[in-house]
Amino acid sequence: MSGRSSKAEVRNPVLTLPAVAKLRALSPEARLALQSELLEIQSDARLRAERSWRTRKPPVAAYWAACGVYAGHIARAIGPRPMRRRH
């Protein structure tokens, strides 16, 4: 079994969407504000997914889980780029 790819596009497929480049072109202030809201959406979606699993509503839980994943992917795609360590 091979290890997981380290390519950013594999780990975050949202990066391949053309609209992400437009979002990255926003001012740093606008991107940080949008990132904050997306992370809030991610948190709320995860809570809703968990609640739906507990009440035995798998389709609704899967929907909210997917919403949370996409919100997180977009937030990381537009946020400040973390410094990478050089080996």
PDB file of N, CA and C in Angstrom:
ATOM      1  N   MET A   1       0.845  -1.171   0.000  1.00  0.00           N
ATOM      2  CA  MET A   1       0.000   0.000   0.000  1.00  0.00           C
ATOM      3  C   MET A   1       0.889   1.231   0.000  1.00  0.00           C
ATOM      4  N   SER A   2       0.602   2.170  -0.885  1.00  0.00           N
ATOM      5  CA  SER A   2       1.427   3.368  -0.972  1.00  0.00           C
ATOM      6  C   SER A   2       0.905   4.438  -0.020  1.00  0.00           C
ATOM      7  N   GLY A   3       1.786   5.378   0.324  1.00  0.00           N
ATOM      8  CA  GLY A   3       1.418   6.470   1.210  1.00  0.00           C
ATOM      9  C   GLY A   3       0.525   7.473   0.504  1.00  0.00           C
ATOM     10  N   ARG A   4      -0.043   8.345   1.274  1.00  0.00           N
ATOM     11  CA  ARG A   4      -0.923   9.367   0.739  1.00  0.00           C
ATOM     12  C   ARG A   4      -0.099  10.420  -0.001  1.00  0.00           C
ATOM     13  N   SER A   5      -0.627  10.913  -1.094  1.00  0.00           N
ATOM     14  CA  SER A   5       0.079  11.899  -1.891  1.00  0.00           C
ATOM     15  C   SER A   5       0.313  13.181  -1.096  1.00  0.00           C
ATOM     16  N   SER A   6       1.433  13.824  -1.337  1.00  0.00           N
ATOM     17  CA  SER A   6       1.716  15.086  -0.668  1.00  0.00           C
ATOM     18  C   SER A   6       1.369  16.284  -1.547  1.00  0.00           C
ATOM     19  N   LYS A   7       0.847  16.018  -2.751  1.00  0.00           N
ATOM     20  CA  LYS A   7       0.453  17.106  -3.639  1.00  0.00           C
ATOM     21  C   LYS A   7      -0.756  17.834  -3.055  1.00  0.00           C
ATOM     22  N   ALA A   8      -0.671  19.158  -3.029  1.00  0.00           N
ATOM     23  CA  ALA A   8      -1.755  19.969  -2.468  1.00  0.00           C
ATOM     24  C   ALA A   8      -3.074  19.725  -3.196  1.00  0.00           C
ATOM     25  N   GLU A   9      -3.025  19.557  -4.520  1.00  0.00           N
ATOM     26  CA  GLU A   9      -4.242  19.363  -5.308  1.00  0.00           C
ATOM     27  C   GLU A   9      -4.932  18.036  -5.003  1.00  0.00           C
ATOM     28  N   VAL A  10      -4.161  17.052  -4.536  1.00  0.00           N
ATOM     29  CA  VAL A  10      -4.743  15.759  -4.181  1.00  0.00           C
ATOM     30  C   VAL A  10      -5.389  15.860  -2.797  1.00  0.00           C
ATOM     31  N   ARG A  11      -4.717  16.515  -1.883  1.00  0.00           N
ATOM     32  CA  ARG A  11      -5.235  16.650  -0.529  1.00  0.00           C
ATOM     33  C   ARG A  11      -6.413  17.619  -0.461  1.00  0.00           C
ATOM     34  N   ASN A  12      -6.428  18.630  -1.345  1.00  0.00           N
ATOM     35  CA  ASN A  12      -7.509  19.610  -1.360  1.00  0.00           C
ATOM     36  C   ASN A  12      -7.936  19.834  -2.809  1.00  0.00           C
ATOM     37  N   PRO A  13      -8.874  19.021  -3.321  1.00  0.00           N
ATOM     38  CA  PRO A  13      -9.271  19.122  -4.726  1.00  0.00           C
ATOM     39  C   PRO A  13      -9.913  20.451  -5.093  1.00  0.00           C
ATOM     40  N   VAL A  14     -10.360  21.225  -4.113  1.00  0.00           N
ATOM     41  CA  VAL A  14     -10.946  22.535  -4.378  1.00  0.00           C
ATOM     42  C   VAL A  14      -9.914  23.450  -5.048  1.00  0.00           C
ATOM     43  N   LEU A  15      -8.639  23.198  -4.799  1.00  0.00           N
ATOM     44  CA  LEU A  15      -7.580  24.028  -5.383  1.00  0.00           C
ATOM     45  C   LEU A  15      -7.596  24.011  -6.906  1.00  0.00           C
ATOM     46  N   THR A  16      -8.168  22.981  -7.510  1.00  0.00           N
ATOM     47  CA  THR A  16      -8.195  22.878  -8.965  1.00  0.00           C
ATOM     48  C   THR A  16      -9.334  23.676  -9.592  1.00  0.00           C
ATOM     49  N   LEU A  17     -10.225  24.213  -8.800  1.00  0.00           N
ATOM     50  CA  LEU A  17     -11.354  24.977  -9.338  1.00  0.00           C
ATOM     51  C   LEU A  17     -10.894  26.379  -9.759  1.00  0.00           C
ATOM     52  N   PRO A  18     -11.277  26.822 -10.949  1.00  0.00           N
ATOM     53  CA  PRO A  18     -10.865  28.145 -11.422  1.00  0.00           C
ATOM     54  C   PRO A  18     -11.317  29.289 -10.503  1.00  0.00           C
ATOM     55  N   ALA A  19     -12.446  29.148  -9.867  1.00  0.00           N
ATOM     56  CA  ALA A  19     -12.954  30.217  -9.012  1.00  0.00           C
ATOM     57  C   ALA A  19     -12.076  30.459  -7.785  1.00  0.00           C
ATOM     58  N   VAL A  20     -11.289  29.463  -7.387  1.00  0.00           N
ATOM     59  CA  VAL A  20     -10.407  29.630  -6.227  1.00  0.00           C
ATOM     60  C   VAL A  20      -9.364  30.708  -6.514  1.00  0.00           C
ATOM     61  N   ALA A  21      -8.883  30.779  -7.743  1.00  0.00           N
ATOM     62  CA  ALA A  21      -7.915  31.824  -8.107  1.00  0.00           C
ATOM     63  C   ALA A  21      -8.544  33.207  -7.941  1.00  0.00           C
ATOM     64  N   LYS A  22      -9.822  33.332  -8.269  1.00  0.00           N
ATOM     65  CA  LYS A  22     -10.516  34.618  -8.087  1.00  0.00           C
ATOM     66  C   LYS A  22     -10.629  34.962  -6.608  1.00  0.00           C
ATOM     67  N   LEU A  23     -10.919  33.956  -5.782  1.00  0.00           N
ATOM     68  CA  LEU A  23     -11.012  34.203  -4.343  1.00  0.00           C
ATOM     69  C   LEU A  23      -9.654  34.601  -3.768  1.00  0.00           C
ATOM     70  N   ARG A  24      -8.599  33.985  -4.268  1.00  0.00           N
ATOM     71  CA  ARG A  24      -7.247  34.316  -3.796  1.00  0.00           C
ATOM     72  C   ARG A  24      -6.828  35.719  -4.210  1.00  0.00           C
ATOM     73  N   ALA A  25      -7.483  36.271  -5.235  1.00  0.00           N
ATOM     74  CA  ALA A  25      -7.153  37.616  -5.699  1.00  0.00           C
ATOM     75  C   ALA A  25      -7.797  38.694  -4.826  1.00  0.00           C
ATOM     76  N   LEU A  26      -8.699  38.300  -3.934  1.00  0.00           N
ATOM     77  CA  LEU A  26      -9.308  39.278  -3.021  1.00  0.00           C
ATOM     78  C   LEU A  26      -8.253  39.852  -2.093  1.00  0.00           C
ATOM     79  N   SER A  27      -8.579  40.974  -1.484  1.00  0.00           N
ATOM     80  CA  SER A  27      -7.647  41.587  -0.536  1.00  0.00           C
ATOM     81  C   SER A  27      -7.421  40.639   0.639  1.00  0.00           C
ATOM     82  N   PRO A  28      -6.273  40.748   1.298  1.00  0.00           N
ATOM     83  CA  PRO A  28      -6.009  39.880   2.455  1.00  0.00           C
ATOM     84  C   PRO A  28      -7.079  40.002   3.540  1.00  0.00           C
ATOM     85  N   GLU A  29      -7.582  41.204   3.739  1.00  0.00           N
ATOM     86  CA  GLU A  29      -8.624  41.410   4.756  1.00  0.00           C
ATOM     87  C   GLU A  29      -9.905  40.664   4.391  1.00  0.00           C
ATOM     88  N   ALA A  30     -10.287  40.766   3.116  1.00  0.00           N
ATOM     89  CA  ALA A  30     -11.505  40.079   2.660  1.00  0.00           C
ATOM     90  C   ALA A  30     -11.336  38.572   2.761  1.00  0.00           C
ATOM     91  N   ARG A  31     -10.159  38.071   2.384  1.00  0.00           N
ATOM     92  CA  ARG A  31      -9.918  36.631   2.465  1.00  0.00           C
ATOM     93  C   ARG A  31      -9.968  36.143   3.905  1.00  0.00           C
ATOM     94  N   LEU A  32      -9.385  36.895   4.824  1.00  0.00           N
ATOM     95  CA  LEU A  32      -9.421  36.471   6.230  1.00  0.00           C
ATOM     96  C   LEU A  32     -10.845  36.466   6.778  1.00  0.00           C
ATOM     97  N   ALA A  33     -11.635  37.471   6.394  1.00  0.00           N
ATOM     98  CA  ALA A  33     -13.036  37.523   6.843  1.00  0.00           C
ATOM     99  C   ALA A  33     -13.815  36.334   6.280  1.00  0.00           C
ATOM    100  N   LEU A  34     -13.629  36.056   4.995  1.00  0.00           N
ATOM    101  CA  LEU A  34     -14.319  34.927   4.361  1.00  0.00           C
ATOM    102  C   LEU A  34     -13.858  33.611   4.967  1.00  0.00           C
ATOM    103  N   GLN A  35     -12.563  33.479   5.216  1.00  0.00           N
ATOM    104  CA  GLN A  35     -12.039  32.266   5.821  1.00  0.00           C
ATOM    105  C   GLN A  35     -12.664  32.048   7.201  1.00  0.00           C
ATOM    106  N   SER A  36     -12.779  33.095   7.976  1.00  0.00           N
ATOM    107  CA  SER A  36     -13.383  32.977   9.305  1.00  0.00           C
ATOM    108  C   SER A  36     -14.822  32.478   9.225  1.00  0.00           C
ATOM    109  N   GLU A  37     -15.578  33.020   8.294  1.00  0.00           N
ATOM    110  CA  GLU A  37     -16.971  32.592   8.133  1.00  0.00           C
ATOM    111  C   GLU A  37     -17.056  31.150   7.653  1.00  0.00           C
ATOM    112  N   LEU A  38     -16.172  30.768   6.745  1.00  0.00           N
ATOM    113  CA  LEU A  38     -16.175  29.385   6.243  1.00  0.00           C
ATOM    114  C   LEU A  38     -15.833  28.401   7.356  1.00  0.00           C
ATOM    115  N   LEU A  39     -14.899  28.765   8.217  1.00  0.00           N
ATOM    116  CA  LEU A  39     -14.560  27.872   9.330  1.00  0.00           C
ATOM    117  C   LEU A  39     -15.714  27.770  10.325  1.00  0.00           C
ATOM    118  N   GLU A  40     -16.479  28.854  10.463  1.00  0.00           N
ATOM    119  CA  GLU A  40     -17.676  28.807  11.309  1.00  0.00           C
ATOM    120  C   GLU A  40     -18.731  27.890  10.692  1.00  0.00           C
ATOM    121  N   ILE A  41     -18.896  27.983   9.382  1.00  0.00           N
ATOM    122  CA  ILE A  41     -19.819  27.079   8.676  1.00  0.00           C
ATOM    123  C   ILE A  41     -19.367  25.640   8.857  1.00  0.00           C
ATOM    124  N   GLN A  42     -18.067  25.396   8.741  1.00  0.00           N
ATOM    125  CA  GLN A  42     -17.534  24.045   8.910  1.00  0.00           C
ATOM    126  C   GLN A  42     -17.876  23.504  10.297  1.00  0.00           C
ATOM    127  N   SER A  43     -17.672  24.304  11.302  1.00  0.00           N
ATOM    128  CA  SER A  43     -17.951  23.870  12.673  1.00  0.00           C
ATOM    129  C   SER A  43     -19.430  23.560  12.864  1.00  0.00           C
ATOM    130  N   ASP A  44     -20.285  24.448  12.377  1.00  0.00           N
ATOM    131  CA  ASP A  44     -21.729  24.243  12.509  1.00  0.00           C
ATOM    132  C   ASP A  44     -22.169  23.005  11.729  1.00  0.00           C
ATOM    133  N   ALA A  45     -21.635  22.824  10.532  1.00  0.00           N
ATOM    134  CA  ALA A  45     -22.003  21.652   9.716  1.00  0.00           C
ATOM    135  C   ALA A  45     -21.583  20.361  10.404  1.00  0.00           C
ATOM    136  N   ARG A  46     -20.410  20.351  11.018  1.00  0.00           N
ATOM    137  CA  ARG A  46     -19.959  19.143  11.730  1.00  0.00           C
ATOM    138  C   ARG A  46     -20.885  18.823  12.898  1.00  0.00           C
ATOM    139  N   LEU A  47     -21.321  19.850  13.621  1.00  0.00           N
ATOM    140  CA  LEU A  47     -22.257  19.620  14.730  1.00  0.00           C
ATOM    141  C   LEU A  47     -23.581  19.058  14.218  1.00  0.00           C
ATOM    142  N   ARG A  48     -24.066  19.618  13.122  1.00  0.00           N
ATOM    143  CA  ARG A  48     -25.328  19.133  12.552  1.00  0.00           C
ATOM    144  C   ARG A  48     -25.192  17.697  12.049  1.00  0.00           C
ATOM    145  N   ALA A  49     -24.047  17.375  11.474  1.00  0.00           N
ATOM    146  CA  ALA A  49     -23.817  16.005  11.006  1.00  0.00           C
ATOM    147  C   ALA A  49     -23.837  15.037  12.185  1.00  0.00           C
ATOM    148  N   GLU A  50     -23.145  15.402  13.249  1.00  0.00           N
ATOM    149  CA  GLU A  50     -23.110  14.539  14.437  1.00  0.00           C
ATOM    150  C   GLU A  50     -24.512  14.350  15.022  1.00  0.00           C
ATOM    151  N   ARG A  51     -25.261  15.436  15.085  1.00  0.00           N
ATOM    152  CA  ARG A  51     -26.633  15.360  15.608  1.00  0.00           C
ATOM    153  C   ARG A  51     -27.497  14.451  14.733  1.00  0.00           C
ATOM    154  N   SER A  52     -27.318  14.555  13.422  1.00  0.00           N
ATOM    155  CA  SER A  52     -28.092  13.713  12.499  1.00  0.00           C
ATOM    156  C   SER A  52     -27.721  12.243  12.635  1.00  0.00           C
ATOM    157  N   TRP A  53     -26.434  11.939  12.834  1.00  0.00           N
ATOM    158  CA  TRP A  53     -26.033  10.541  13.043  1.00  0.00           C
ATOM    159  C   TRP A  53     -26.676   9.992  14.309  1.00  0.00           C
ATOM    160  N   ARG A  54     -26.679  10.804  15.375  1.00  0.00           N
ATOM    161  CA  ARG A  54     -27.257  10.342  16.647  1.00  0.00           C
ATOM    162  C   ARG A  54     -28.756  10.092  16.533  1.00  0.00           C
ATOM    163  N   THR A  55     -29.441  10.844  15.674  1.00  0.00           N
ATOM    164  CA  THR A  55     -30.886  10.665  15.516  1.00  0.00           C
ATOM    165  C   THR A  55     -31.217   9.725  14.355  1.00  0.00           C
ATOM    166  N   ARG A  56     -30.200   9.004  13.897  1.00  0.00           N
ATOM    167  CA  ARG A  56     -30.354   7.981  12.845  1.00  0.00           C
ATOM    168  C   ARG A  56     -30.928   8.543  11.548  1.00  0.00           C
ATOM    169  N   LYS A  57     -30.300   9.619  11.077  1.00  0.00           N
ATOM    170  CA  LYS A  57     -30.668  10.221   9.800  1.00  0.00           C
ATOM    171  C   LYS A  57     -29.416  10.285   8.914  1.00  0.00           C
ATOM    172  N   PRO A  58     -28.958   9.116   8.441  1.00  0.00           N
ATOM    173  CA  PRO A  58     -27.694   9.080   7.686  1.00  0.00           C
ATOM    174  C   PRO A  58     -27.634   9.972   6.454  1.00  0.00           C
ATOM    175  N   PRO A  59     -28.688  10.069   5.632  1.00  0.00           N
ATOM    176  CA  PRO A  59     -28.568  10.946   4.456  1.00  0.00           C
ATOM    177  C   PRO A  59     -28.331  12.413   4.840  1.00  0.00           C
ATOM    178  N   VAL A  60     -29.022  12.861   5.876  1.00  0.00           N
ATOM    179  CA  VAL A  60     -28.856  14.242   6.329  1.00  0.00           C
ATOM    180  C   VAL A  60     -27.467  14.418   6.937  1.00  0.00           C
ATOM    181  N   ALA A  61     -27.008  13.428   7.683  1.00  0.00           N
ATOM    182  CA  ALA A  61     -25.676  13.480   8.289  1.00  0.00           C
ATOM    183  C   ALA A  61     -24.606  13.545   7.208  1.00  0.00           C
ATOM    184  N   ALA A  62     -24.749  12.756   6.165  1.00  0.00           N
ATOM    185  CA  ALA A  62     -23.769  12.764   5.075  1.00  0.00           C
ATOM    186  C   ALA A  62     -23.749  14.123   4.375  1.00  0.00           C
ATOM    187  N   TYR A  63     -24.920  14.717   4.194  1.00  0.00           N
ATOM    188  CA  TYR A  63     -25.003  16.041   3.569  1.00  0.00           C
ATOM    189  C   TYR A  63     -24.233  17.061   4.388  1.00  0.00           C
ATOM    190  N   TRP A  64     -24.506  17.116   5.700  1.00  0.00           N
ATOM    191  CA  TRP A  64     -23.839  18.105   6.544  1.00  0.00           C
ATOM    192  C   TRP A  64     -22.351  17.826   6.672  1.00  0.00           C
ATOM    193  N   ALA A  65     -21.969  16.566   6.692  1.00  0.00           N
ATOM    194  CA  ALA A  65     -20.543  16.234   6.749  1.00  0.00           C
ATOM    195  C   ALA A  65     -19.838  16.740   5.485  1.00  0.00           C
ATOM    196  N   ALA A  66     -20.458  16.544   4.337  1.00  0.00           N
ATOM    197  CA  ALA A  66     -19.869  17.028   3.084  1.00  0.00           C
ATOM    198  C   ALA A  66     -19.780  18.550   3.073  1.00  0.00           C
ATOM    199  N   CYS A  67     -20.816  19.214   3.561  1.00  0.00           N
ATOM    200  CA  CYS A  67     -20.777  20.686   3.645  1.00  0.00           C
ATOM    201  C   CYS A  67     -19.593  21.141   4.493  1.00  0.00           C
ATOM    202  N   GLY A  68     -19.376  20.476   5.603  1.00  0.00           N
ATOM    203  CA  GLY A  68     -18.262  20.826   6.474  1.00  0.00           C
ATOM    204  C   GLY A  68     -16.912  20.621   5.801  1.00  0.00           C
ATOM    205  N   VAL A  69     -16.786  19.538   5.065  1.00  0.00           N
ATOM    206  CA  VAL A  69     -15.524  19.264   4.370  1.00  0.00           C
ATOM    207  C   VAL A  69     -15.254  20.335   3.320  1.00  0.00           C
ATOM    208  N   TYR A  70     -16.261  20.649   2.506  1.00  0.00           N
ATOM    209  CA  TYR A  70     -16.067  21.659   1.469  1.00  0.00           C
ATOM    210  C   TYR A  70     -15.758  23.027   2.060  1.00  0.00           C
ATOM    211  N   ALA A  71     -16.461  23.404   3.119  1.00  0.00           N
ATOM    212  CA  ALA A  71     -16.189  24.698   3.754  1.00  0.00           C
ATOM    213  C   ALA A  71     -14.748  24.759   4.248  1.00  0.00           C
ATOM    214  N   GLY A  72     -14.276  23.677   4.846  1.00  0.00           N
ATOM    215  CA  GLY A  72     -12.901  23.635   5.332  1.00  0.00           C
ATOM    216  C   GLY A  72     -11.884  23.682   4.201  1.00  0.00           C
ATOM    217  N   HIS A  73     -12.159  22.958   3.120  1.00  0.00           N
ATOM    218  CA  HIS A  73     -11.248  22.967   1.971  1.00  0.00           C
ATOM    219  C   HIS A  73     -11.143  24.367   1.366  1.00  0.00           C
ATOM    220  N   ILE A  74     -12.279  25.033   1.223  1.00  0.00           N
ATOM    221  CA  ILE A  74     -12.259  26.378   0.646  1.00  0.00           C
ATOM    222  C   ILE A  74     -11.556  27.345   1.596  1.00  0.00           C
ATOM    223  N   ALA A  75     -11.824  27.225   2.888  1.00  0.00           N
ATOM    224  CA  ALA A  75     -11.176  28.105   3.864  1.00  0.00           C
ATOM    225  C   ALA A  75      -9.663  27.965   3.806  1.00  0.00           C
ATOM    226  N   ARG A  76      -9.182  26.740   3.722  1.00  0.00           N
ATOM    227  CA  ARG A  76      -7.728  26.537   3.650  1.00  0.00           C
ATOM    228  C   ARG A  76      -7.159  26.973   2.300  1.00  0.00           C
ATOM    229  N   ALA A  77      -7.963  26.879   1.246  1.00  0.00           N
ATOM    230  CA  ALA A  77      -7.489  27.276  -0.082  1.00  0.00           C
ATOM    231  C   ALA A  77      -7.293  28.785  -0.185  1.00  0.00           C
ATOM    232  N   ILE A  78      -8.079  29.570   0.538  1.00  0.00           N
ATOM    233  CA  ILE A  78      -7.983  31.027   0.420  1.00  0.00           C
ATOM    234  C   ILE A  78      -7.229  31.673   1.567  1.00  0.00           C
ATOM    235  N   GLY A  79      -6.942  30.891   2.607  1.00  0.00           N
ATOM    236  CA  GLY A  79      -6.269  31.454   3.772  1.00  0.00           C
ATOM    237  C   GLY A  79      -4.796  31.691   3.525  1.00  0.00           C
ATOM    238  N   PRO A  80      -4.139  32.289   4.506  1.00  0.00           N
ATOM    239  CA  PRO A  80      -2.697  32.499   4.361  1.00  0.00           C
ATOM    240  C   PRO A  80      -1.994  31.163   4.211  1.00  0.00           C
ATOM    241  N   ARG A  81      -1.039  31.120   3.364  1.00  0.00           N
ATOM    242  CA  ARG A  81      -0.314  29.870   3.120  1.00  0.00           C
ATOM    243  C   ARG A  81       0.645  29.602   4.269  1.00  0.00           C
ATOM    244  N   PRO A  82       0.585  28.409   4.854  1.00  0.00           N
ATOM    245  CA  PRO A  82       1.496  28.091   5.951  1.00  0.00           C
ATOM    246  C   PRO A  82       2.924  27.958   5.431  1.00  0.00           C
ATOM    247  N   MET A  83       3.850  28.272   6.294  1.00  0.00           N
ATOM    248  CA  MET A  83       5.260  28.135   5.938  1.00  0.00           C
ATOM    249  C   MET A  83       5.576  26.642   5.893  1.00  0.00           C
ATOM    250  N   ARG A  84       6.276  26.228   4.860  1.00  0.00           N
ATOM    251  CA  ARG A  84       6.674  24.828   4.743  1.00  0.00           C
ATOM    252  C   ARG A  84       8.085  24.662   5.249  1.00  0.00           C
ATOM    253  N   ARG A  85       8.305  23.582   5.970  1.00  0.00           N
ATOM    254  CA  ARG A  85       9.639  23.289   6.433  1.00  0.00           C
ATOM    255  C   ARG A  85      10.456  22.688   5.304  1.00  0.00           C
ATOM    256  N   ARG A  86      11.656  23.104   5.203  1.00  0.00           N
ATOM    257  CA  ARG A  86      12.546  22.518   4.199  1.00  0.00           C
ATOM    258  C   ARG A  86      13.369  21.443   4.868  1.00  0.00           C
ATOM    259  N   HIS A  87      13.474  20.311   4.192  1.00  0.00           N
ATOM    260  CA  HIS A  87      14.225  19.185   4.755  1.00  0.00           C
ATOM    261  C   HIS A  87      15.655  19.221   4.336  1.00  0.00           C
TER     262      HIS A  87
END
